[in-house]
């Protein structure tokens, strides 16, 4: 019984750390997106379009070399 409780506590502690990190990252990204939108008018769609176009941008840079 005791080893089971110890294992359950370890699993709970690890999962809690993962959840805290995930929430902190999500809030940081949300704050960054809000600041970009307020200060520069950059929308999340603009950022997503830039991310989607990264492979094309990288291939164009490779062609120029």
N, C-alpha and C. Protein backbone atom coordinates (compact mmCIF):
# COMPACT_ATOMS: atom_id res chain seq x y z
N UNK A 1 0.82 -1.20 0.00
CA UNK A 1 0.00 0.00 0.00
C UNK A 1 0.86 1.26 0.00
N UNK A 2 1.90 1.28 0.82
CA UNK A 2 2.78 2.45 0.90
C UNK A 2 3.51 2.70 -0.42
N UNK A 3 4.10 1.67 -1.05
CA UNK A 3 4.76 1.94 -2.34
C UNK A 3 3.80 2.48 -3.40
N UNK A 4 2.56 2.04 -3.37
CA UNK A 4 1.58 2.54 -4.33
C UNK A 4 1.30 4.02 -4.09
N UNK A 5 1.19 4.41 -2.84
CA UNK A 5 0.96 5.81 -2.51
C UNK A 5 2.16 6.68 -2.89
N UNK A 6 3.34 6.16 -2.67
CA UNK A 6 4.56 6.90 -3.03
C UNK A 6 4.61 7.09 -4.54
N UNK A 7 4.34 6.02 -5.29
CA UNK A 7 4.35 6.11 -6.75
C UNK A 7 3.27 7.07 -7.23
N UNK A 8 2.09 7.00 -6.63
CA UNK A 8 1.02 7.91 -7.02
C UNK A 8 1.42 9.36 -6.75
N UNK A 9 2.08 9.60 -5.63
CA UNK A 9 2.51 10.97 -5.30
C UNK A 9 3.56 11.46 -6.31
N UNK A 10 4.48 10.59 -6.68
CA UNK A 10 5.51 10.98 -7.66
C UNK A 10 4.87 11.31 -9.00
N UNK A 11 3.95 10.48 -9.44
CA UNK A 11 3.26 10.72 -10.71
C UNK A 11 2.48 12.03 -10.63
N UNK A 12 1.78 12.25 -9.52
CA UNK A 12 1.03 13.48 -9.35
C UNK A 12 1.95 14.69 -9.38
N UNK A 13 3.08 14.62 -8.71
CA UNK A 13 4.02 15.74 -8.67
C UNK A 13 4.55 16.05 -10.06
N UNK A 14 4.90 15.04 -10.83
CA UNK A 14 5.41 15.25 -12.18
C UNK A 14 4.32 15.85 -13.07
N UNK A 15 3.13 15.30 -13.01
CA UNK A 15 2.03 15.84 -13.81
C UNK A 15 1.70 17.27 -13.42
N UNK A 16 1.78 17.59 -12.14
CA UNK A 16 1.51 18.95 -11.69
C UNK A 16 2.53 19.92 -12.28
N UNK A 17 3.80 19.52 -12.30
CA UNK A 17 4.84 20.37 -12.89
C UNK A 17 4.59 20.59 -14.38
N UNK A 18 4.17 19.54 -15.07
CA UNK A 18 3.87 19.66 -16.50
C UNK A 18 2.70 20.61 -16.73
N UNK A 19 1.66 20.48 -15.93
CA UNK A 19 0.50 21.36 -16.08
C UNK A 19 0.88 22.81 -15.79
N UNK A 20 1.65 23.04 -14.74
CA UNK A 20 2.07 24.40 -14.41
C UNK A 20 2.90 25.01 -15.53
N UNK A 21 3.81 24.24 -16.10
CA UNK A 21 4.64 24.73 -17.18
C UNK A 21 3.81 25.02 -18.42
N UNK A 22 2.85 24.15 -18.72
CA UNK A 22 1.99 24.35 -19.87
C UNK A 22 1.15 25.62 -19.72
N UNK A 23 0.59 25.81 -18.55
CA UNK A 23 -0.22 27.01 -18.31
C UNK A 23 0.63 28.26 -18.39
N UNK A 24 1.82 28.22 -17.80
CA UNK A 24 2.71 29.38 -17.84
C UNK A 24 3.09 29.72 -19.29
N UNK A 25 3.38 28.71 -20.08
CA UNK A 25 3.73 28.94 -21.49
C UNK A 25 2.55 29.51 -22.27
N UNK A 26 1.38 28.96 -22.04
CA UNK A 26 0.18 29.44 -22.75
C UNK A 26 -0.11 30.90 -22.39
N UNK A 27 0.01 31.24 -21.12
CA UNK A 27 -0.23 32.63 -20.71
C UNK A 27 0.82 33.57 -21.26
N UNK A 28 2.06 33.12 -21.32
CA UNK A 28 3.12 33.95 -21.89
C UNK A 28 2.88 34.21 -23.37
N UNK A 29 2.51 33.15 -24.11
CA UNK A 29 2.22 33.33 -25.53
C UNK A 29 1.00 34.23 -25.75
N UNK A 30 -0.01 34.07 -24.92
CA UNK A 30 -1.20 34.92 -25.04
C UNK A 30 -0.83 36.38 -24.78
N UNK A 31 -0.03 36.63 -23.76
CA UNK A 31 0.39 38.00 -23.47
C UNK A 31 1.21 38.57 -24.62
N UNK A 32 2.09 37.76 -25.18
CA UNK A 32 2.91 38.21 -26.30
C UNK A 32 2.04 38.55 -27.51
N UNK A 33 1.07 37.71 -27.82
CA UNK A 33 0.17 37.98 -28.95
C UNK A 33 -0.64 39.25 -28.72
N UNK A 34 -1.11 39.44 -27.49
CA UNK A 34 -1.88 40.65 -27.19
C UNK A 34 -1.00 41.89 -27.33
N UNK A 35 0.23 41.82 -26.81
CA UNK A 35 1.13 42.97 -26.94
C UNK A 35 1.47 43.27 -28.39
N UNK A 36 1.73 42.24 -29.19
CA UNK A 36 2.02 42.46 -30.60
C UNK A 36 0.82 43.09 -31.31
N UNK A 37 -0.36 42.64 -30.95
CA UNK A 37 -1.56 43.18 -31.60
C UNK A 37 -1.81 44.64 -31.18
N UNK A 38 -1.65 44.94 -29.91
CA UNK A 38 -1.91 46.30 -29.43
C UNK A 38 -0.85 47.26 -29.93
N UNK A 39 0.41 46.89 -29.84
CA UNK A 39 1.50 47.81 -30.17
C UNK A 39 1.78 47.93 -31.67
N UNK A 40 1.67 46.83 -32.40
CA UNK A 40 2.09 46.84 -33.80
C UNK A 40 0.98 46.46 -34.77
N UNK A 41 -0.16 46.06 -34.29
CA UNK A 41 -1.26 45.66 -35.16
C UNK A 41 -1.05 44.31 -35.82
N UNK A 42 -0.16 43.50 -35.27
CA UNK A 42 0.11 42.17 -35.82
C UNK A 42 -0.91 41.20 -35.24
N UNK A 43 -1.63 40.52 -36.11
CA UNK A 43 -2.66 39.59 -35.66
C UNK A 43 -2.07 38.18 -35.55
N UNK A 44 -2.73 37.32 -34.80
CA UNK A 44 -2.29 35.91 -34.76
C UNK A 44 -2.25 35.27 -36.14
N UNK A 45 -3.16 35.67 -37.01
CA UNK A 45 -3.17 35.13 -38.38
C UNK A 45 -1.91 35.55 -39.14
N UNK A 46 -1.44 36.77 -38.93
CA UNK A 46 -0.18 37.22 -39.55
C UNK A 46 0.99 36.36 -39.10
N UNK A 47 1.02 36.07 -37.81
CA UNK A 47 2.11 35.23 -37.27
C UNK A 47 2.02 33.82 -37.84
N UNK A 48 0.79 33.27 -37.90
CA UNK A 48 0.62 31.93 -38.43
C UNK A 48 1.02 31.86 -39.90
N UNK A 49 0.66 32.88 -40.67
CA UNK A 49 1.05 32.91 -42.08
C UNK A 49 2.56 32.94 -42.24
N UNK A 50 3.24 33.68 -41.37
CA UNK A 50 4.71 33.72 -41.42
C UNK A 50 5.31 32.36 -41.08
N UNK A 51 4.72 31.68 -40.11
CA UNK A 51 5.22 30.34 -39.74
C UNK A 51 5.01 29.36 -40.88
N UNK A 52 3.83 29.42 -41.51
CA UNK A 52 3.53 28.50 -42.61
C UNK A 52 4.47 28.75 -43.79
N UNK A 53 4.87 30.00 -44.01
CA UNK A 53 5.73 30.34 -45.13
C UNK A 53 7.22 30.14 -44.84
N UNK A 54 7.58 29.73 -43.63
CA UNK A 54 8.99 29.54 -43.30
C UNK A 54 9.72 28.55 -44.23
N UNK A 55 9.14 27.38 -44.53
CA UNK A 55 9.86 26.47 -45.43
C UNK A 55 10.15 27.10 -46.80
N UNK A 56 9.19 27.84 -47.32
CA UNK A 56 9.40 28.50 -48.60
C UNK A 56 10.49 29.56 -48.48
N UNK A 57 10.49 30.30 -47.39
CA UNK A 57 11.51 31.33 -47.16
C UNK A 57 12.89 30.69 -47.06
N UNK A 58 12.97 29.60 -46.32
CA UNK A 58 14.27 28.92 -46.18
C UNK A 58 14.76 28.37 -47.52
N UNK A 59 13.85 27.84 -48.33
CA UNK A 59 14.28 27.31 -49.62
C UNK A 59 14.74 28.43 -50.54
N UNK A 60 14.11 29.59 -50.46
CA UNK A 60 14.54 30.73 -51.28
C UNK A 60 15.91 31.23 -50.84
N UNK A 61 16.16 31.24 -49.56
CA UNK A 61 17.48 31.66 -49.07
C UNK A 61 18.54 30.67 -49.52
N UNK A 62 18.20 29.38 -49.54
CA UNK A 62 19.14 28.36 -50.00
C UNK A 62 19.47 28.50 -51.47
N UNK A 63 18.51 28.94 -52.29
CA UNK A 63 18.72 29.11 -53.72
C UNK A 63 19.66 30.29 -53.98
N UNK A 64 19.56 31.33 -53.18
CA UNK A 64 20.38 32.52 -53.39
C UNK A 64 21.85 32.28 -53.09
N UNK A 65 22.17 31.31 -52.27
CA UNK A 65 23.57 31.09 -51.88
C UNK A 65 24.34 30.56 -53.01
